[in-house]
Amino acid sequence: MKPHNFHLTFFLSCSLLLASQPSSAKLYKWVDDSGKTSFSDQISPEEAKYRRETLSKKGRVVDITEQEKTKEEKERDNHLNILREKQEKIIANQKAHDDSLLRSYHSKEEMLAELKAKIAIIEGQKKLIESAIVQQLERLDVKQKSAATFERNAQPVPANLIEEIKNIQIEIEKTKSAVNDSIAQQKKVSDEYDTNIKRFLVLTKPDDPTPKNIVASIEEANELGLFRCENDIECKKAWAIARTFVDIHSTTPVDVNADNLVMHEQPSKDTDISLSISKIASKDADDQLFLDIHCRDSSLGKELCNSQQIKDLRKSFRPYVNERLINKVPTP
């Protein structure tokens, strides 16, 4: 049969089938795994998995039902949905933080003045703690000299005196720890204000084309394992670097290797670490790369995923990608 005769026969058969259907009936068209095209007003459970078209009385396509997704495709979609939820939370948190900055401050100088006042309060508290240490050391010196007198006279040091010396030493260690906490608090406050001031300047810079409500702060990005691309060219390079990072640190083999998702097999041992990287498109900005880390669904596996080791691994992702982009460090 010539090709044009085949198409004519096919069209006539389709028209006859449509004409024989009640006005309310639907006609479906699908192609099975063997390539066979079928028409029917009913779909069996076996045929429901195929992509099908719903045809009108005139044979036009009025609806399309996509082919049923495989288990792996459903798992991939679920994974991407989870990542999108995380992205939305980051965006919402950043938006709320940005709004708070703009409501609370009018200038960089105002923020610096507030920082200075807070540091002064912390510094005052630290000086009080340090003066307490001086007093404790003086008390300790008195008690130790008293104990030395007993020893020079070849007399046993009273038990209550030994206990007092131990207690004072413990107090001194606790007070020194409080001083260290105060120093750490100063640094934390300074770092927070430094980050906020930089963000404030970005938000109030009129000529800055950077989208203001979607760029997560560096700290948030590191905590989540997020890298935001500046453009398509950078994103392609970052994606290749990210795939290397995932391959290096995963202890399980690759399971999915797609254009927008690289996922290693789920952990089978308590010590296994499975990494995945997803490319998430945004309507308002360039793509973002998300790193996700999975451990075995066991008590030891959950402990591993909550460990500092995994937190540090996640935090190292963005700097790893960024460093290789900036310095053009070759990937293994």
Foldseek 3Di string as FASTA:
>chain_A
DDPVVVVVVVVVVVLVVLVPDDQPFKKKWFADPVRDIDIDSDADPVRQQTWMFIAHSVGDGDDIDHGHDDPVVVVVVVVVVVVVVVLVVLLVVLQVLLVVLVVPDDALVVLVVVLVVVLVVLVVVLVVLVVVLVVLVVVLVVLVVVCVVCVVVVHHRDPVSVVVNVVSVVVNVVSVVVSVVSVVVNVVSVVVSVQSSVLNCLVPDPPRPPDNRRDGGLVSCLQFLKAFDQDDVLVVLLVVQLVLLQVVPFPAAWDDDDPFKTWGDADPDLPGKIKMWGWACDPVHGIMIGIDIAFDPDPSRVVVCPDVVVSVSSSVNRVSSVVCSVVVDDRD
